[in-house]
Amino acid sequence: MEIDKAIRESDDRRLKTKYNNAIYVIRRALALYSIEELAFSFNGGKDSTVLLHLLRAGYFLHRGEQSCSNGSLMDFPIRTIYFESTSAFPEINLFTHDTATIYGLQMDILRSDFKSGLEALLKAKPIRAIFLGVRIGDPTAVGQEQFSPSSPGWPPFMRVNPILDWSYRDVWAFLLTSKVQYCSLYNQGYTSIGSIHDTIPNALLSISNSSGSKENFKPAYLLSDGRLERAGRAKKVSASASRCFPADENGMDVDSNQNSMLTASIIAVGDEILSGTVEDQLGHLLCKKLHSIGWSVPQAAVVRNDIDSVAEEVEQRKSTNNMVFLYGGVGPLHSDVTLAGVAKAFGVRLAPDEEFEEYLRMLIGYQCTGDRNEMAQLPEGITELLHHERLPVPLIKCQNVIIFSATNVSELEMQWDCLIESKDSGGCLVPLKPYSTKHLTTHSSDVEAAQPLSKLCLEFPDLYIGCYRKSRQEPLVVSIKGKDPARVQSAAEALRKKFNPGAFSEIN
């Protein structure tokens, strides 16, 4: 069989390992279920194209070379499901139908949504298991294993995921080594194909063109960093980053112009902070950084080096804030539980990330393998790696939670700057209208200032009005902050009027 032969003759040891593991999963499914009980979901994309040829090889090996020789290309009896959509690229539809003809696929074409189509198909056919081209990192991969029952509320079937642990690199290594055909869009700079409404060529593959003619792109397999695979998905982002903003009950994103006060919570992880062993300076710096781009910080917490403590705090804050920032508890030590806590908060497991491990190997050699391989385990299916040329290891982002590895102020300064500059961040920290601030000082006592300040808060509920003294002997400082400079100025003038002339003076 040509696929098995091509992989066996390859010098790519990693590809051989991935291939063997996938074939094992396929042969196990073929042993557990009859051919009539199996189906294969094909959509014309690169992942399902890989799966098609793995299934052909697995079926060949399962049946034995003698019975599958002579006309093996047409001997593929596993039922194929194709969900045809009016928003699919014409090239995808053409490639799918051409592939069905070449390999003799028994194709059921469904024109409804995925769930309704499956319900109808499973009622009509004795299907008990479906092969899927799901990989870790896909939105649908959360919580899945190589064999996973369908989710509650869906028709019952077993999801079989032979390439769950494959990376972008693995996919292209297989396709190029096997020399099989794939959709022509991948030769035009597309790296992840959805619908015609949300997919564009990946700008990272653009070929500079000084003549001003039509923009050209390199093929998808030349993308050097597989973590940027989805950079070709068109993001419908206005002045805001939609993925970071809350959605209304109809699932529509809330515009940042309507929600000009975006919030971020800060969580520090460390028993050493709670015990007073070290002083936490990073929380203070993060508050200043967020304030400088117009964000509000309603909560900052310190939690123990305990998975449940981290999970509880993250779970509470991620649903009530646009972003959550964590620091501390990242690394190989027994007390480094931050990633495990984040995974638990989202209800997913920690899973090995081979590409993240490659970064670790560049940084610390092979010490991250063996007992320390836990350092390369990240929350499954929800993790994005945020890259920057100054970062030796990417920052970790899990939906609206970002994890810093900084241990001191200078490291956090650098990581923050990289986060702001990173193209991978999806604009999750889009700058808003900056705060306008007035600081006024008085030698009046707290008792004298209390009532006028309370009235000021009632008169200007849209402003933040805070008070502090550096010591009991020093003046009272009143800080007035808001997005509207005119309102801030009006509040400062109103405060002066409530006291005797000259009681308050403005400071920088």
Foldseek 3Di string as FASTA:
>chain_A
DLLVVLLVPDPPPVLVVLLVQLLVLLLVVCVVDPLQQEEEEDQQALLSVLVVVSNLVSVCVNVDVVVCPDPVLQPDSRAYEYEDEPQADPLRVVNVVVSCVRRVHNYDYHDDDPQVRVVVVVVVTNHAEYEYSAEWQALVLFADDQWDWDDPPGPTHIYHHSNHHPFLLSSVVSCVSSVDDGRCVQQFQQLDDDGNVFFAHQPVQWDDDPVPPDIGGGGNNPPPDRLCSCSRTHQPDDLALQLLADADPVRHGDDCVVVVAAEEEEEEEEPCCVVVVDPDPVVVVVCVVLQQLRYHYPYYYYFYLDLCRLLVVCLVRVVVGSAYEYEDLAAQDPSNRNQVSVLVNVVGHWDADVVQVVLVCVVPNPPCPDSNVSNRTGNINQWRFFDDPPDSGTWIDGRRYTYDHDDDDVSVVVNVVSCCVTPRVSRSSRRGQHKDKWKKWFQDDCVVLVPLVVVLCVVCVQWDWDWDDPDNNGIIIIMIIHRDNVSSVVSVVSSCVVDDHPRMDIDD
